[in-house]
């Protein structure tokens, strides 16, 4: 795992999930050192990514929900050109391709039953992302220790709505959590361990 991610998540376990310009601006001004950017069109992405980098933060651009971006090499080249620190996608091939660039990678996986779990495990093994975003967080307790280890390093997302959900995900081996709740973005790991 990239040392910047390890260092940031060691103190600040909540990744800010920011959808749209206003939410992205709130992330930039927050304590959270890592964010996920979604719903930001190509006309605004460069400005937002520049603000993130200027504040020495890390942001993963969600390729699947960025209006105007495709899932091809051109989209990754565009993100590199504008200085995007990282990229996220549900598509293993995109994450694998992005892994050949200097950008950080996150693969989002949705586990709804045993069959999607196996497909997700296979995709993660192929793409080797820096982080796996495992959704929904409530499914993590239903996974075996071996399955959780195969997803490592992972962050829990979906239905992470309070400090107890954050703490429970960390207890189950998550490196952190993703949440769209700005009230959680300032949570420090030591406050969850207490």
N, C-alpha and C. Protein backbone atom coordinates (compact mmCIF):
# COMPACT_ATOMS: atom_id res chain seq x y z
N UNK A 1 0.84 -1.19 0.00
CA UNK A 1 0.00 0.00 0.00
C UNK A 1 0.88 1.24 0.00
N UNK A 2 0.49 2.23 -0.74
CA UNK A 2 1.24 3.48 -0.86
C UNK A 2 1.42 4.13 0.51
N UNK A 3 2.63 4.60 0.79
CA UNK A 3 2.93 5.15 2.11
C UNK A 3 2.10 6.39 2.43
N UNK A 4 1.72 7.17 1.42
CA UNK A 4 0.88 8.35 1.67
C UNK A 4 -0.49 7.93 2.20
N UNK A 5 -1.03 6.85 1.66
CA UNK A 5 -2.32 6.36 2.13
C UNK A 5 -2.21 5.80 3.53
N UNK A 6 -1.16 5.02 3.78
CA UNK A 6 -0.95 4.43 5.11
C UNK A 6 -0.86 5.53 6.15
N UNK A 7 -0.05 6.54 5.87
CA UNK A 7 0.15 7.64 6.81
C UNK A 7 -1.14 8.40 7.08
N UNK A 8 -1.86 8.73 6.02
CA UNK A 8 -3.11 9.49 6.18
C UNK A 8 -4.15 8.69 6.94
N UNK A 9 -4.35 7.43 6.56
CA UNK A 9 -5.39 6.60 7.18
C UNK A 9 -5.03 6.21 8.62
N UNK A 10 -3.75 6.25 8.97
CA UNK A 10 -3.35 5.93 10.33
C UNK A 10 -3.95 6.92 11.33
N UNK A 11 -4.09 8.17 10.91
CA UNK A 11 -4.65 9.18 11.81
C UNK A 11 -6.10 9.54 11.47
N UNK A 12 -6.42 9.60 10.19
CA UNK A 12 -7.74 10.04 9.73
C UNK A 12 -8.39 8.88 8.95
N UNK A 13 -9.13 8.01 9.60
CA UNK A 13 -9.63 6.80 8.92
C UNK A 13 -10.84 7.01 8.01
N UNK A 14 -11.40 8.23 7.98
CA UNK A 14 -12.59 8.46 7.15
C UNK A 14 -12.20 9.17 5.86
N UNK A 15 -12.47 8.52 4.74
CA UNK A 15 -12.29 9.11 3.43
C UNK A 15 -13.57 9.86 3.09
N UNK A 16 -13.41 11.14 2.77
CA UNK A 16 -14.56 11.98 2.45
C UNK A 16 -15.11 11.60 1.08
N UNK A 17 -16.36 11.21 1.04
CA UNK A 17 -17.01 10.90 -0.23
C UNK A 17 -17.77 12.16 -0.66
N UNK A 18 -17.21 12.88 -1.63
CA UNK A 18 -17.73 14.19 -2.03
C UNK A 18 -18.36 14.10 -3.42
N UNK A 19 -19.65 14.38 -3.49
CA UNK A 19 -20.36 14.34 -4.76
C UNK A 19 -20.77 15.76 -5.14
N UNK A 20 -20.24 16.23 -6.26
CA UNK A 20 -20.55 17.57 -6.75
C UNK A 20 -19.56 18.61 -6.26
N UNK A 21 -19.63 19.78 -6.88
CA UNK A 21 -18.69 20.86 -6.61
C UNK A 21 -18.75 21.34 -5.17
N UNK A 22 -19.94 21.58 -4.64
CA UNK A 22 -20.07 22.10 -3.27
C UNK A 22 -19.49 21.12 -2.25
N UNK A 23 -19.78 19.85 -2.42
CA UNK A 23 -19.26 18.83 -1.51
C UNK A 23 -17.74 18.71 -1.64
N UNK A 24 -17.23 18.82 -2.87
CA UNK A 24 -15.77 18.77 -3.08
C UNK A 24 -15.10 19.94 -2.39
N UNK A 25 -15.70 21.12 -2.48
CA UNK A 25 -15.13 22.30 -1.80
C UNK A 25 -15.11 22.09 -0.29
N UNK A 26 -16.15 21.46 0.22
CA UNK A 26 -16.20 21.18 1.66
C UNK A 26 -15.09 20.19 2.05
N UNK A 27 -14.85 19.19 1.19
CA UNK A 27 -13.75 18.26 1.44
C UNK A 27 -12.41 18.99 1.46
N UNK A 28 -12.18 19.86 0.49
CA UNK A 28 -10.91 20.59 0.42
C UNK A 28 -10.68 21.39 1.70
N UNK A 29 -11.72 21.94 2.28
CA UNK A 29 -11.59 22.75 3.49
C UNK A 29 -11.64 21.92 4.77
N UNK A 30 -11.93 20.65 4.66
CA UNK A 30 -12.06 19.79 5.85
C UNK A 30 -10.70 19.29 6.34
N UNK A 31 -10.75 18.57 7.46
CA UNK A 31 -9.54 17.94 8.00
C UNK A 31 -9.17 16.66 7.25
N UNK A 32 -10.13 16.06 6.57
CA UNK A 32 -9.89 14.78 5.90
C UNK A 32 -8.79 14.90 4.85
N UNK A 33 -7.75 14.07 4.93
CA UNK A 33 -6.67 14.14 3.95
C UNK A 33 -6.92 13.38 2.67
N UNK A 34 -7.96 12.50 2.67
CA UNK A 34 -8.26 11.69 1.49
C UNK A 34 -9.73 11.84 1.16
N UNK A 35 -10.01 11.95 -0.14
CA UNK A 35 -11.40 12.07 -0.57
C UNK A 35 -11.67 11.30 -1.83
N UNK A 36 -12.94 11.10 -2.08
CA UNK A 36 -13.43 10.47 -3.30
C UNK A 36 -14.28 11.52 -3.99
N UNK A 37 -13.95 11.85 -5.23
CA UNK A 37 -14.68 12.87 -5.98
C UNK A 37 -15.60 12.22 -6.99
N UNK A 38 -16.88 12.56 -6.93
CA UNK A 38 -17.87 12.01 -7.86
C UNK A 38 -18.79 13.13 -8.33
N UNK A 39 -19.40 12.91 -9.48
CA UNK A 39 -20.38 13.85 -9.98
C UNK A 39 -19.82 15.20 -10.38
N UNK A 40 -18.54 15.25 -10.71
CA UNK A 40 -17.91 16.49 -11.14
C UNK A 40 -17.53 16.34 -12.60
N UNK A 41 -18.08 17.21 -13.43
CA UNK A 41 -17.85 17.13 -14.87
C UNK A 41 -16.45 17.52 -15.28
N UNK A 42 -16.08 17.16 -16.48
CA UNK A 42 -14.71 17.41 -16.96
C UNK A 42 -14.36 18.89 -16.96
N UNK A 43 -15.33 19.78 -17.13
CA UNK A 43 -15.03 21.21 -17.15
C UNK A 43 -14.54 21.71 -15.80
N UNK A 44 -14.91 21.03 -14.72
CA UNK A 44 -14.54 21.47 -13.37
C UNK A 44 -13.47 20.61 -12.71
N UNK A 45 -13.19 19.46 -13.27
CA UNK A 45 -12.27 18.53 -12.60
C UNK A 45 -10.87 19.10 -12.39
N UNK A 46 -10.33 19.79 -13.39
CA UNK A 46 -8.97 20.32 -13.23
C UNK A 46 -8.89 21.30 -12.07
N UNK A 47 -9.84 22.20 -11.98
CA UNK A 47 -9.85 23.18 -10.89
C UNK A 47 -9.96 22.48 -9.54
N UNK A 48 -10.84 21.49 -9.44
CA UNK A 48 -11.02 20.77 -8.18
C UNK A 48 -9.76 19.99 -7.82
N UNK A 49 -9.18 19.30 -8.80
CA UNK A 49 -7.96 18.52 -8.53
C UNK A 49 -6.81 19.44 -8.12
N UNK A 50 -6.72 20.59 -8.73
CA UNK A 50 -5.66 21.55 -8.37
C UNK A 50 -5.84 22.00 -6.91
N UNK A 51 -7.08 22.28 -6.52
CA UNK A 51 -7.34 22.69 -5.13
C UNK A 51 -6.97 21.57 -4.16
N UNK A 52 -7.27 20.34 -4.52
CA UNK A 52 -6.93 19.19 -3.67
C UNK A 52 -5.42 19.08 -3.50
N UNK A 53 -4.70 19.14 -4.60
CA UNK A 53 -3.24 19.02 -4.56
C UNK A 53 -2.61 20.20 -3.83
N UNK A 54 -3.14 21.40 -4.04
CA UNK A 54 -2.61 22.59 -3.35
C UNK A 54 -2.74 22.46 -1.84
N UNK A 55 -3.77 21.76 -1.38
CA UNK A 55 -3.96 21.54 0.06
C UNK A 55 -3.25 20.28 0.55
N UNK A 56 -2.47 19.67 -0.34
CA UNK A 56 -1.70 18.44 -0.01
C UNK A 56 -2.61 17.30 0.43
N UNK A 57 -3.71 17.17 -0.29
CA UNK A 57 -4.65 16.09 -0.04
C UNK A 57 -4.58 15.09 -1.19
N UNK A 58 -5.19 13.96 -0.97
CA UNK A 58 -5.29 12.92 -2.00
C UNK A 58 -6.76 12.78 -2.36
N UNK A 59 -7.05 12.73 -3.64
CA UNK A 59 -8.43 12.49 -4.07
C UNK A 59 -8.43 11.46 -5.18
N UNK A 60 -9.38 10.55 -5.05
CA UNK A 60 -9.63 9.56 -6.10
C UNK A 60 -10.81 10.07 -6.91
N UNK A 61 -10.62 10.23 -8.22
CA UNK A 61 -11.72 10.64 -9.09
C UNK A 61 -12.48 9.38 -9.47
N UNK A 62 -13.79 9.37 -9.15
CA UNK A 62 -14.63 8.23 -9.49
C UNK A 62 -14.96 8.31 -10.97
N UNK A 63 -14.26 7.53 -11.75
CA UNK A 63 -14.40 7.54 -13.21
C UNK A 63 -15.81 7.15 -13.65
N UNK A 64 -16.47 6.32 -12.86
CA UNK A 64 -17.79 5.82 -13.22
C UNK A 64 -18.88 6.88 -13.07
N UNK A 65 -18.61 7.92 -12.30
CA UNK A 65 -19.65 8.94 -12.07
C UNK A 65 -19.13 10.35 -12.28
N UNK A 66 -18.24 10.50 -13.25
CA UNK A 66 -17.74 11.82 -13.62
C UNK A 66 -18.24 12.15 -15.02
N UNK A 67 -19.25 13.01 -15.12
CA UNK A 67 -19.83 13.32 -16.42
C UNK A 67 -18.79 13.78 -17.43
N UNK A 68 -18.80 13.13 -18.59
CA UNK A 68 -17.88 13.50 -19.67
C UNK A 68 -16.65 12.62 -19.75
N UNK A 69 -16.41 11.79 -18.74
CA UNK A 69 -15.26 10.88 -18.78
C UNK A 69 -15.72 9.50 -19.20
N UNK A 70 -14.93 8.86 -20.02
CA UNK A 70 -15.22 7.49 -20.42
C UNK A 70 -14.41 6.52 -19.59
N UNK A 71 -14.29 5.31 -20.08
CA UNK A 71 -13.52 4.27 -19.40
C UNK A 71 -12.36 3.81 -20.27
N UNK A 72 -11.80 4.72 -21.02
CA UNK A 72 -10.74 4.35 -21.95
C UNK A 72 -9.41 5.01 -21.56
N UNK A 73 -8.39 4.73 -22.34
CA UNK A 73 -7.06 5.28 -22.06
C UNK A 73 -7.08 6.81 -22.10
N UNK A 74 -7.92 7.39 -22.96
CA UNK A 74 -8.01 8.85 -23.04
C UNK A 74 -8.47 9.48 -21.74
N UNK A 75 -9.39 8.85 -21.04
CA UNK A 75 -9.86 9.37 -19.75
C UNK A 75 -8.73 9.36 -18.73
N UNK A 76 -7.95 8.29 -18.72
CA UNK A 76 -6.82 8.22 -17.79
C UNK A 76 -5.76 9.25 -18.14
N UNK A 77 -5.49 9.45 -19.43
CA UNK A 77 -4.53 10.47 -19.85
C UNK A 77 -5.00 11.85 -19.43
N UNK A 78 -6.30 12.11 -19.58
CA UNK A 78 -6.85 13.40 -19.15
C UNK A 78 -6.63 13.60 -17.65
N UNK A 79 -6.93 12.58 -16.84
CA UNK A 79 -6.75 12.70 -15.39
C UNK A 79 -5.29 12.92 -15.03
N UNK A 80 -4.38 12.25 -15.74
CA UNK A 80 -2.96 12.48 -15.52
C UNK A 80 -2.59 13.92 -15.86
N UNK A 81 -3.07 14.40 -17.00
CA UNK A 81 -2.75 15.75 -17.46
C UNK A 81 -3.22 16.83 -16.49
N UNK A 82 -4.36 16.61 -15.83
CA UNK A 82 -4.87 17.64 -14.91
C UNK A 82 -4.35 17.45 -13.49
N UNK A 83 -3.52 16.43 -13.28
CA UNK A 83 -2.90 16.23 -11.97
C UNK A 83 -3.77 15.51 -10.95
N UNK A 84 -4.72 14.71 -11.41
CA UNK A 84 -5.54 13.94 -10.47
C UNK A 84 -4.65 12.97 -9.70
N UNK A 85 -4.71 12.99 -8.38
CA UNK A 85 -3.87 12.08 -7.59
C UNK A 85 -4.25 10.62 -7.73
N UNK A 86 -5.54 10.34 -7.93
CA UNK A 86 -5.98 8.95 -7.98
C UNK A 86 -7.24 8.77 -8.79
N UNK A 87 -7.54 7.51 -9.07
CA UNK A 87 -8.73 7.16 -9.85
C UNK A 87 -9.42 5.97 -9.19
N UNK A 88 -10.75 5.95 -9.30
CA UNK A 88 -11.54 4.86 -8.76
C UNK A 88 -12.51 4.39 -9.83
N UNK A 89 -12.75 3.08 -9.87
CA UNK A 89 -13.72 2.53 -10.81
C UNK A 89 -14.15 1.15 -10.31
N UNK A 90 -15.32 0.74 -10.77
CA UNK A 90 -15.77 -0.63 -10.52
C UNK A 90 -15.15 -1.58 -11.53
N UNK A 91 -14.59 -1.05 -12.59
CA UNK A 91 -14.08 -1.88 -13.68
C UNK A 91 -12.62 -2.26 -13.45
N UNK A 92 -12.39 -3.56 -13.29
CA UNK A 92 -11.04 -4.06 -13.02
C UNK A 92 -10.07 -3.69 -14.13
N UNK A 93 -10.51 -3.72 -15.39
CA UNK A 93 -9.62 -3.39 -16.50
C UNK A 93 -9.15 -1.94 -16.43
N UNK A 94 -10.04 -1.03 -16.02
CA UNK A 94 -9.67 0.38 -15.88
C UNK A 94 -8.65 0.54 -14.76
N UNK A 95 -8.91 -0.10 -13.63
CA UNK A 95 -8.00 -0.01 -12.49
C UNK A 95 -6.65 -0.61 -12.83
N UNK A 96 -6.66 -1.72 -13.53
CA UNK A 96 -5.41 -2.37 -13.95
C UNK A 96 -4.62 -1.43 -14.87
N UNK A 97 -5.29 -0.80 -15.84
CA UNK A 97 -4.63 0.14 -16.75
C UNK A 97 -4.09 1.35 -15.98
N UNK A 98 -4.88 1.87 -15.05
CA UNK A 98 -4.46 3.02 -14.25
C UNK A 98 -3.27 2.67 -13.36
N UNK A 99 -3.15 1.41 -13.01
CA UNK A 99 -2.02 0.96 -12.18
C UNK A 99 -0.68 1.10 -12.87
N UNK A 100 -0.68 1.29 -14.17
CA UNK A 100 0.58 1.49 -14.90
C UNK A 100 0.97 2.97 -14.95
N UNK A 101 0.16 3.83 -14.32
CA UNK A 101 0.42 5.27 -14.29
C UNK A 101 0.88 5.65 -12.88
N UNK A 102 1.29 6.89 -12.68
CA UNK A 102 1.65 7.33 -11.32
C UNK A 102 0.45 7.55 -10.40
N UNK A 103 -0.77 7.49 -10.93
CA UNK A 103 -1.95 7.72 -10.10
C UNK A 103 -2.18 6.56 -9.13
N UNK A 104 -2.75 6.88 -7.98
CA UNK A 104 -3.21 5.87 -7.03
C UNK A 104 -4.49 5.26 -7.58
N UNK A 105 -4.76 4.02 -7.22
CA UNK A 105 -5.94 3.34 -7.74
C UNK A 105 -6.80 2.77 -6.61
N UNK A 106 -8.10 2.85 -6.85
CA UNK A 106 -9.06 2.25 -5.94
C UNK A 106 -10.09 1.52 -6.78
N UNK A 107 -10.34 0.27 -6.43
CA UNK A 107 -11.38 -0.49 -7.12
C UNK A 107 -12.58 -0.61 -6.21
N UNK A 108 -13.72 -0.18 -6.71
CA UNK A 108 -14.97 -0.26 -5.96
C UNK A 108 -15.63 -1.59 -6.27
N UNK A 109 -15.99 -2.34 -5.22
CA UNK A 109 -16.67 -3.62 -5.43
C UNK A 109 -17.94 -3.65 -4.59
N UNK A 110 -19.01 -4.15 -5.21
CA UNK A 110 -20.30 -4.32 -4.55
C UNK A 110 -20.50 -5.81 -4.32
N UNK A 111 -20.65 -6.20 -3.07
CA UNK A 111 -20.85 -7.61 -2.74
C UNK A 111 -22.30 -7.78 -2.28
N UNK A 112 -23.08 -8.46 -3.09
CA UNK A 112 -24.49 -8.68 -2.75
C UNK A 112 -24.80 -10.12 -2.39
N UNK A 113 -23.93 -11.04 -2.83
CA UNK A 113 -24.10 -12.45 -2.49
C UNK A 113 -22.77 -13.17 -2.77
N UNK A 114 -22.74 -14.48 -2.56
CA UNK A 114 -21.49 -15.24 -2.72
C UNK A 114 -20.97 -15.17 -4.16
N UNK A 115 -21.84 -15.13 -5.15
CA UNK A 115 -21.36 -15.10 -6.54
C UNK A 115 -20.70 -13.77 -6.86
N UNK A 116 -21.25 -12.66 -6.37
CA UNK A 116 -20.58 -11.38 -6.64
C UNK A 116 -19.30 -11.26 -5.82
N UNK A 117 -19.27 -11.91 -4.67
CA UNK A 117 -18.05 -11.90 -3.87
C UNK A 117 -16.91 -12.56 -4.65
N UNK A 118 -17.17 -13.73 -5.23
CA UNK A 118 -16.11 -14.42 -5.98
C UNK A 118 -15.66 -13.61 -7.19
N UNK A 119 -16.60 -13.01 -7.92
CA UNK A 119 -16.21 -12.16 -9.06
C UNK A 119 -15.38 -10.98 -8.60
N UNK A 120 -15.74 -10.41 -7.47
CA UNK A 120 -14.99 -9.28 -6.93
C UNK A 120 -13.58 -9.69 -6.52
N UNK A 121 -13.48 -10.84 -5.86
CA UNK A 121 -12.16 -11.34 -5.47
C UNK A 121 -11.28 -11.57 -6.69
N UNK A 122 -11.87 -12.14 -7.75
CA UNK A 122 -11.12 -12.38 -8.99
C UNK A 122 -10.68 -11.06 -9.62
N UNK A 123 -11.57 -10.07 -9.65
CA UNK A 123 -11.25 -8.77 -10.24
C UNK A 123 -10.16 -8.05 -9.48
N UNK A 124 -10.23 -8.08 -8.16
CA UNK A 124 -9.22 -7.42 -7.33
C UNK A 124 -7.87 -8.11 -7.51
N UNK A 125 -7.87 -9.43 -7.58
CA UNK A 125 -6.61 -10.17 -7.78
C UNK A 125 -5.96 -9.77 -9.11
N UNK A 126 -6.79 -9.54 -10.12
CA UNK A 126 -6.26 -9.17 -11.44
C UNK A 126 -5.77 -7.73 -11.49
N UNK A 127 -6.49 -6.81 -10.87
CA UNK A 127 -6.18 -5.39 -11.02
C UNK A 127 -5.16 -4.87 -10.00
N UNK A 128 -5.02 -5.52 -8.86
CA UNK A 128 -4.08 -5.12 -7.80
C UNK A 128 -4.15 -3.63 -7.47
N UNK A 129 -5.31 -3.14 -7.03
CA UNK A 129 -5.43 -1.72 -6.71
C UNK A 129 -4.69 -1.35 -5.43
N UNK A 130 -4.43 -0.06 -5.27
CA UNK A 130 -3.84 0.41 -4.01
C UNK A 130 -4.82 0.22 -2.86
N UNK A 131 -6.11 0.43 -3.14
CA UNK A 131 -7.16 0.24 -2.16
C UNK A 131 -8.37 -0.39 -2.83
N UNK A 132 -9.11 -1.16 -2.06
CA UNK A 132 -10.40 -1.69 -2.50
C UNK A 132 -11.46 -0.96 -1.69
N UNK A 133 -12.48 -0.46 -2.36
CA UNK A 133 -13.63 0.12 -1.67
C UNK A 133 -14.70 -0.96 -1.64
N UNK A 134 -14.93 -1.52 -0.48
CA UNK A 134 -15.83 -2.65 -0.32
C UNK A 134 -17.20 -2.16 0.14
N UNK A 135 -18.22 -2.48 -0.69
CA UNK A 135 -19.58 -2.02 -0.43
C UNK A 135 -20.57 -3.17 -0.44
N UNK A 136 -21.61 -3.10 0.37
CA UNK A 136 -21.81 -2.18 1.48
C UNK A 136 -21.03 -2.64 2.71
N UNK A 137 -20.74 -1.71 3.59
CA UNK A 137 -19.92 -2.01 4.76
C UNK A 137 -20.53 -3.12 5.61
N UNK A 138 -21.84 -3.20 5.64
CA UNK A 138 -22.49 -4.19 6.50
C UNK A 138 -22.21 -5.63 6.07
N UNK A 139 -21.78 -5.83 4.83
CA UNK A 139 -21.51 -7.19 4.36
C UNK A 139 -20.16 -7.72 4.87
N UNK A 140 -19.30 -6.84 5.32
CA UNK A 140 -17.95 -7.25 5.73
C UNK A 140 -18.01 -8.28 6.86
N UNK A 141 -18.93 -8.11 7.78
CA UNK A 141 -19.03 -9.06 8.90
C UNK A 141 -19.49 -10.44 8.44
N UNK A 142 -20.07 -10.54 7.25
CA UNK A 142 -20.53 -11.82 6.72
C UNK A 142 -19.46 -12.54 5.89
N UNK A 143 -18.37 -11.84 5.62
CA UNK A 143 -17.28 -12.43 4.83
C UNK A 143 -16.34 -13.21 5.75
N UNK A 144 -15.70 -14.22 5.19
CA UNK A 144 -14.72 -14.97 5.97
C UNK A 144 -13.46 -14.14 6.13
N UNK A 145 -12.66 -14.48 7.10
CA UNK A 145 -11.39 -13.79 7.32
C UNK A 145 -10.51 -13.91 6.07
N UNK A 146 -10.55 -15.05 5.40
CA UNK A 146 -9.75 -15.25 4.19
C UNK A 146 -10.22 -14.33 3.06
N UNK A 147 -11.55 -14.17 2.94
CA UNK A 147 -12.08 -13.27 1.91
C UNK A 147 -11.69 -11.83 2.19
N UNK A 148 -11.79 -11.42 3.46
CA UNK A 148 -11.38 -10.05 3.83
C UNK A 148 -9.90 -9.85 3.55
N UNK A 149 -9.10 -10.84 3.86
CA UNK A 149 -7.65 -10.72 3.60
C UNK A 149 -7.36 -10.60 2.12
N UNK A 150 -8.11 -11.31 1.29
CA UNK A 150 -7.91 -11.24 -0.16
C UNK A 150 -8.28 -9.86 -0.72
N UNK A 151 -9.13 -9.13 -0.03
CA UNK A 151 -9.52 -7.78 -0.45
C UNK A 151 -8.57 -6.70 0.08
N UNK A 152 -7.67 -7.07 0.95
CA UNK A 152 -6.80 -6.12 1.62
C UNK A 152 -5.81 -5.48 0.66
N UNK A 153 -5.54 -4.19 0.83
CA UNK A 153 -6.14 -3.29 1.80
C UNK A 153 -7.48 -2.76 1.32
N UNK A 154 -8.45 -2.74 2.23
CA UNK A 154 -9.77 -2.27 1.82
C UNK A 154 -10.28 -1.20 2.77
N UNK A 155 -11.21 -0.42 2.22
CA UNK A 155 -11.96 0.55 3.01
C UNK A 155 -13.43 0.19 2.86
N UNK A 156 -14.18 0.38 3.93
CA UNK A 156 -15.60 0.05 3.93
C UNK A 156 -16.40 1.27 3.49
N UNK A 157 -17.45 1.04 2.72
CA UNK A 157 -18.30 2.14 2.25
C UNK A 157 -19.74 1.67 2.17
N UNK A 158 -20.64 2.61 2.17
CA UNK A 158 -22.06 2.28 2.09
C UNK A 158 -22.61 1.96 3.46
N UNK A 159 -23.52 2.78 3.93
CA UNK A 159 -24.14 2.63 5.25
C UNK A 159 -23.17 2.88 6.39
N UNK A 160 -22.12 3.65 6.13
CA UNK A 160 -21.23 4.11 7.20
C UNK A 160 -21.76 5.48 7.61
N UNK A 161 -22.63 5.47 8.61
CA UNK A 161 -23.36 6.68 8.95
C UNK A 161 -23.05 7.25 10.34
N UNK A 162 -22.26 6.52 11.12
CA UNK A 162 -21.93 7.03 12.45
C UNK A 162 -20.58 6.47 12.91
N UNK A 163 -20.14 6.93 14.06
CA UNK A 163 -18.84 6.52 14.59
C UNK A 163 -18.80 5.03 14.90
N UNK A 164 -19.93 4.46 15.34
CA UNK A 164 -19.97 3.04 15.65
C UNK A 164 -19.73 2.21 14.40
N UNK A 165 -20.31 2.61 13.28
CA UNK A 165 -20.09 1.89 12.01
C UNK A 165 -18.63 2.01 11.58
N UNK A 166 -18.03 3.18 11.80
CA UNK A 166 -16.61 3.36 11.50
C UNK A 166 -15.77 2.39 12.33
N UNK A 167 -16.01 2.40 13.64
CA UNK A 167 -15.22 1.56 14.55
C UNK A 167 -15.40 0.08 14.22
N UNK A 168 -16.61 -0.34 13.91
CA UNK A 168 -16.86 -1.75 13.59
C UNK A 168 -16.12 -2.16 12.33
N UNK A 169 -16.12 -1.33 11.32
CA UNK A 169 -15.40 -1.64 10.08
C UNK A 169 -13.90 -1.77 10.33
N UNK A 170 -13.36 -0.88 11.16
CA UNK A 170 -11.93 -0.95 11.47
C UNK A 170 -11.61 -2.22 12.25
N UNK A 171 -12.50 -2.61 13.17
CA UNK A 171 -12.31 -3.84 13.93
C UNK A 171 -12.26 -5.06 13.02
N UNK A 172 -12.99 -5.01 11.91
CA UNK A 172 -13.04 -6.13 10.97
C UNK A 172 -11.91 -6.09 9.94
N UNK A 173 -10.98 -5.15 10.11
CA UNK A 173 -9.79 -5.14 9.26
C UNK A 173 -9.74 -4.07 8.19
N UNK A 174 -10.76 -3.21 8.11
CA UNK A 174 -10.72 -2.14 7.12
C UNK A 174 -9.62 -1.15 7.49
N UNK A 175 -8.94 -0.64 6.48
CA UNK A 175 -7.92 0.41 6.70
C UNK A 175 -8.60 1.73 7.02
N UNK A 176 -9.83 1.88 6.57
CA UNK A 176 -10.59 3.10 6.79
C UNK A 176 -12.00 2.89 6.28
N UNK A 177 -12.74 3.97 6.21
CA UNK A 177 -14.11 3.94 5.71
C UNK A 177 -14.31 5.13 4.78
N UNK A 178 -15.30 5.03 3.90
CA UNK A 178 -15.71 6.15 3.06
C UNK A 178 -17.09 6.58 3.55
N UNK A 179 -17.27 7.87 3.70
CA UNK A 179 -18.57 8.37 4.12
C UNK A 179 -18.87 9.71 3.46
N UNK A 180 -20.13 9.90 3.12
CA UNK A 180 -20.57 11.18 2.55
C UNK A 180 -21.00 12.15 3.66
N UNK A 181 -20.96 11.71 4.91
CA UNK A 181 -21.37 12.55 6.03
C UNK A 181 -20.21 13.44 6.48
N UNK A 182 -20.26 14.74 6.20
CA UNK A 182 -19.16 15.64 6.57
C UNK A 182 -18.86 15.65 8.07
N UNK A 183 -19.82 15.28 8.89
CA UNK A 183 -19.58 15.23 10.34
C UNK A 183 -18.56 14.15 10.70
N UNK A 184 -18.42 13.14 9.85
CA UNK A 184 -17.46 12.07 10.12
C UNK A 184 -16.07 12.36 9.55
N UNK A 185 -15.96 13.33 8.66
CA UNK A 185 -14.69 13.59 7.99
C UNK A 185 -13.58 14.02 8.94
N UNK A 186 -13.94 14.53 10.10
CA UNK A 186 -12.92 15.00 11.04
C UNK A 186 -12.61 13.98 12.14
N UNK A 187 -13.18 12.79 12.04
CA UNK A 187 -12.96 11.75 13.06
C UNK A 187 -11.51 11.25 12.98
N UNK A 188 -10.88 11.20 14.13
CA UNK A 188 -9.52 10.67 14.22
C UNK A 188 -9.57 9.25 14.75
N UNK A 189 -8.62 8.45 14.30
CA UNK A 189 -8.60 7.04 14.68
C UNK A 189 -8.54 6.86 16.19
N UNK A 190 -7.73 7.67 16.87
CA UNK A 190 -7.60 7.50 18.32
C UNK A 190 -8.92 7.71 19.05
N UNK A 191 -9.82 8.53 18.47
CA UNK A 191 -11.11 8.74 19.13
C UNK A 191 -12.02 7.53 18.97
N UNK A 192 -11.75 6.70 17.97
CA UNK A 192 -12.54 5.49 17.77
C UNK A 192 -12.01 4.34 18.60
N UNK A 193 -10.71 4.39 18.92
CA UNK A 193 -10.08 3.33 19.71
C UNK A 193 -10.40 3.46 21.19
N UNK A 194 -10.85 4.64 21.59
CA UNK A 194 -11.09 4.90 23.02
C UNK A 194 -12.31 4.19 23.53
